[in-house]
Structure formats: C-alpha cells, structure tokens
Amino acid sequence: HGMALRLLFDRARFIRLSIAQVEQSALLGGCIAVIVLLLFLRSLRPTMIIALSIPLAVVATFILLFQATISLNWMSLSGLALGIGMLVDNSVVVLENIFRHRQQGVESTRAAIVGSQEVGMAIAASTLTTLCVFFPLVFVQGMMGMIFQELALTVAFALIASLVVALTLVPMLSSK
C-alpha cells in the first residue's frame, strides 16, 4: 500500500496548444484562399461555391480519418492544413471550365455537365499523380513511418475528398 502515483511531466497543455495552432492555421489558410479566389474570380457566386466545397471536403476527410482510425493529432492536422490548399485546386478548375461554357451561351445545367466532363479526367490524373508523391510515405518503417503515415494518409484522404467534391458538388451548385 505504500505506492503513490505522481505526475512528473505533463505535455498535454503543449499538445493542446499545438493542435489549436494547427487548427487556427488551417482555418486562416481556408479564409485566405477564399479571399484570393474572390480577387481572381471577381464574382461572389463562384467564390461561394468553392468556399462551400472546402468545409465539405474537410468533413469528408474527417470521416475517412475516422474510418481509418487515425486520431486527430499534430501530424494529421498538419496534413489537413497542407491539404486545404490542394482542396481548392480541383474545384477551381471545374468551376472555371463551367464558367467558360456559360460565357459561350450554354444553358447552366448543360454547361455544368459538359464543363465537368471535359476536365474530369485531367483533374483525376492530377490528383492521382499528387497521391503518388505521398503514397511511399505510408510504407516508411519505424518511428518516422508512424509519424509520416498519418500525414500522408490525411493528405491522400483530403485529395480524394476534393476530387469527389469537385466532380459532384461544384457542378451541381453551378447548374443552379
């Protein structure tokens, strides 16, 4: 009975602060991306379509992380912050092509279908090549493997979610 349990070192506060900082950086990055899009697109409606695609892709990424039993930690949230910039790319390409068809006088529903079909294979190929860059990190062994595996899988899930959102949600919202 002479045993006592004492806390010698508590890193919980540092970890919480680190995760909060990564979350804040991801949110700030998403907001800056929307502002930059507004400046370049010069139209609120397409910017809002892409702004809506970001949180939807993030939620889809969280669902995939949950299914893969990856916890929210510094590395997985860093992967998400890294992936947020890439989340916008696919949606911008699809939206821009749909917008081009609309400017040519094509009806909105038809422009959404044709515009997304024309660039669908190109953004899928682009996303898959980016996935190929992160894929080898999944097979790194040891402690580094454990660290980089979560980062690589999070980026991969974010890219897959962005591709699905760009090919489904963006054309649907653009057609309305």
Protein backbone atom coordinates (compact mmCIF):
# COMPACT_ATOMS: atom_id res chain seq x y z
CA HIS A 1 0.00 0.00 0.00
CA GLY A 2 2.97 2.36 0.14
CA MET A 3 2.70 3.31 -3.52
CA ALA A 4 1.77 6.74 -4.78
CA LEU A 5 1.22 7.96 -8.28
CA ARG A 6 2.72 11.34 -9.14
CA LEU A 7 2.66 13.24 -12.37
CA LEU A 8 6.25 14.05 -13.29
CA PHE A 9 5.84 15.58 -16.70
CA ASP A 10 2.67 16.82 -18.40
CA ARG A 11 2.82 17.59 -22.12
CA ALA A 12 -0.96 17.78 -22.52
CA ARG A 13 -1.03 21.57 -22.45
CA PHE A 14 1.70 21.84 -25.10
CA ILE A 15 -0.10 19.31 -27.30
CA ARG A 16 -3.43 21.12 -26.93
CA LEU A 17 -1.80 24.45 -27.82
CA SER A 18 -0.04 22.88 -30.82
CA ILE A 19 -3.27 21.35 -32.13
CA ALA A 20 -5.12 24.64 -31.59
CA GLN A 21 -2.40 26.44 -33.55
CA VAL A 22 -2.64 23.97 -36.44
CA GLU A 23 -6.45 24.28 -36.43
CA GLN A 24 -6.16 28.07 -36.47
CA SER A 25 -3.63 27.94 -39.33
CA ALA A 26 -5.91 25.67 -41.35
CA LEU A 27 -8.89 27.96 -40.79
CA LEU A 28 -6.86 31.05 -41.65
CA GLY A 29 -5.49 29.35 -44.77
CA GLY A 30 -9.02 28.48 -45.90
CA CYS A 31 -10.18 32.07 -45.36
CA ILE A 32 -7.21 33.49 -47.26
CA ALA A 33 -7.85 31.04 -50.10
CA VAL A 34 -11.45 32.28 -50.35
CA ILE A 35 -10.30 35.92 -50.39
CA VAL A 36 -7.73 35.19 -53.12
CA LEU A 37 -10.40 33.39 -55.14
CA LEU A 38 -12.73 36.35 -54.79
CA LEU A 39 -10.00 38.66 -56.05
CA PHE A 40 -9.25 36.47 -59.06
CA LEU A 41 -12.77 35.35 -59.96
CA ARG A 42 -14.26 38.80 -59.27
CA SER A 43 -17.62 37.21 -58.61
CA LEU A 44 -19.23 36.27 -55.33
CA ARG A 45 -21.31 33.33 -56.58
CA PRO A 46 -18.45 31.13 -57.89
CA THR A 47 -16.35 32.06 -54.86
CA MET A 48 -19.14 30.92 -52.54
CA ILE A 49 -19.44 27.63 -54.42
CA ILE A 50 -15.76 26.95 -53.82
CA ALA A 51 -15.97 28.27 -50.25
CA LEU A 52 -18.70 25.71 -49.62
CA SER A 53 -16.64 22.94 -51.17
CA ILE A 54 -13.78 23.46 -48.68
CA PRO A 55 -15.65 22.56 -45.46
CA LEU A 56 -17.48 19.73 -47.20
CA ALA A 57 -14.19 18.21 -48.34
CA VAL A 58 -12.75 18.71 -44.84
CA VAL A 59 -15.74 16.91 -43.27
CA ALA A 60 -15.34 14.08 -45.80
CA THR A 61 -11.65 13.92 -44.89
CA PHE A 62 -12.54 13.64 -41.18
CA ILE A 63 -14.92 10.80 -41.98
CA LEU A 64 -12.17 8.97 -43.87
CA LEU A 65 -9.74 9.60 -40.99
CA PHE A 66 -12.27 8.17 -38.55
CA GLN A 67 -12.79 5.10 -40.75
CA ALA A 68 -9.01 4.58 -40.91
CA THR A 69 -8.79 5.01 -37.10
CA ILE A 70 -6.38 7.92 -37.44
CA SER A 71 -6.57 10.20 -34.44
CA LEU A 72 -6.57 13.96 -34.61
CA ASN A 73 -3.06 14.92 -33.66
CA TRP A 74 -0.40 17.34 -34.73
CA MET A 75 0.63 15.35 -37.82
CA SER A 76 -2.86 14.53 -39.08
CA LEU A 77 -3.98 18.15 -38.61
CA SER A 78 -0.80 19.32 -40.36
CA GLY A 79 -1.69 17.04 -43.25
CA LEU A 80 -5.15 18.57 -43.30
CA ALA A 81 -3.70 22.10 -43.30
CA LEU A 82 -1.43 21.08 -46.16
CA GLY A 83 -4.34 19.52 -48.00
CA ILE A 84 -6.62 22.56 -47.67
CA GLY A 85 -4.66 24.44 -50.33
CA MET A 86 -4.96 21.45 -52.61
CA LEU A 87 -8.68 21.10 -51.82
CA VAL A 88 -9.42 24.25 -53.76
CA ASP A 89 -7.47 23.35 -56.91
CA ASN A 90 -9.83 20.75 -58.34
CA SER A 91 -12.92 22.85 -57.64
CA VAL A 92 -11.40 25.92 -59.29
CA VAL A 93 -10.54 24.00 -62.47
CA VAL A 94 -14.05 22.53 -62.75
CA LEU A 95 -15.77 25.82 -61.92
CA GLU A 96 -13.64 27.79 -64.37
CA ASN A 97 -14.48 25.40 -67.21
CA ILE A 98 -18.19 25.52 -66.38
CA PHE A 99 -18.00 29.33 -66.28
CA ARG A 100 -16.32 29.33 -69.71
CA HIS A 101 -19.22 27.32 -71.16
CA ARG A 102 -21.74 29.66 -69.54
CA GLN A 103 -19.99 32.64 -71.17
CA GLN A 104 -20.33 30.88 -74.53
CA GLY A 105 -24.10 30.85 -74.04
CA VAL A 106 -24.57 27.23 -72.96
CA GLU A 107 -27.52 26.67 -70.60
CA SER A 108 -26.42 26.32 -66.96
CA THR A 109 -27.27 22.62 -66.44
CA ARG A 110 -25.67 21.62 -69.73
CA ALA A 111 -22.62 23.81 -69.00
CA ALA A 112 -22.19 22.08 -65.63
CA ILE A 113 -22.32 18.62 -67.22
CA VAL A 114 -20.10 19.35 -70.20
CA GLY A 115 -17.70 21.56 -68.25
CA SER A 116 -17.07 19.00 -65.54
CA GLN A 117 -16.80 16.11 -68.02
CA GLU A 118 -14.18 17.94 -70.08
CA VAL A 119 -11.80 18.43 -67.18
CA GLY A 120 -12.79 15.39 -65.08
CA MET A 121 -10.04 13.10 -66.39
CA ALA A 122 -7.43 15.87 -66.20
CA ILE A 123 -8.10 16.70 -62.53
CA ALA A 124 -8.35 12.99 -61.69
CA ALA A 125 -4.92 12.43 -63.28
CA SER A 126 -3.51 15.46 -61.49
CA THR A 127 -4.88 14.29 -58.14
CA LEU A 128 -3.58 10.76 -58.67
CA THR A 129 -0.07 11.99 -59.50
CA THR A 130 -0.05 14.07 -56.34
CA LEU A 131 -1.23 11.00 -54.41
CA CYS A 132 1.70 9.07 -55.90
CA VAL A 133 4.09 11.54 -54.27
CA PHE A 134 2.63 10.94 -50.80
CA PHE A 135 1.93 7.22 -51.19
CA PRO A 136 5.51 5.98 -50.48
CA LEU A 137 5.41 7.72 -47.08
CA VAL A 138 2.82 5.15 -46.00
CA PHE A 139 5.49 2.43 -46.21
CA VAL A 140 8.26 4.16 -44.23
CA GLN A 141 9.27 1.93 -41.33
CA GLY A 142 9.92 2.70 -37.67
CA MET A 143 9.07 5.81 -35.72
CA MET A 144 9.31 8.04 -38.78
CA GLY A 145 6.87 5.74 -40.54
CA MET A 146 4.34 6.14 -37.76
CA ILE A 147 4.65 9.90 -37.95
CA PHE A 148 4.63 10.33 -41.72
CA GLN A 149 2.00 7.67 -42.36
CA GLU A 150 -0.69 9.78 -40.68
CA LEU A 151 0.42 12.87 -42.60
CA ALA A 152 0.45 11.03 -45.94
CA LEU A 153 -2.92 9.36 -45.36
CA THR A 154 -4.52 12.63 -44.29
CA VAL A 155 -3.26 14.42 -47.41
CA ALA A 156 -4.40 11.47 -49.53
CA PHE A 157 -7.87 11.49 -47.97
CA ALA A 158 -8.12 15.27 -48.43
CA LEU A 159 -7.17 14.97 -52.10
CA ILE A 160 -9.67 12.19 -52.72
CA ALA A 161 -12.39 14.18 -50.95
CA SER A 162 -11.55 17.28 -53.01
CA LEU A 163 -11.78 15.30 -56.24
CA VAL A 164 -15.17 13.87 -55.33
CA VAL A 165 -16.48 17.29 -54.24
CA ALA A 166 -15.14 18.95 -57.41
CA LEU A 167 -16.83 16.40 -59.65
CA THR A 168 -20.16 16.28 -57.78
CA LEU A 169 -20.95 19.33 -55.62
CA VAL A 170 -19.36 22.04 -57.78
CA PRO A 171 -21.21 21.07 -60.99
CA MET A 172 -24.47 20.66 -59.07
CA LEU A 173 -24.22 24.09 -57.43
CA SER A 174 -23.03 25.65 -60.70
CA SER A 175 -26.08 24.36 -62.53
CA LYS A 176 -28.45 26.19 -60.17
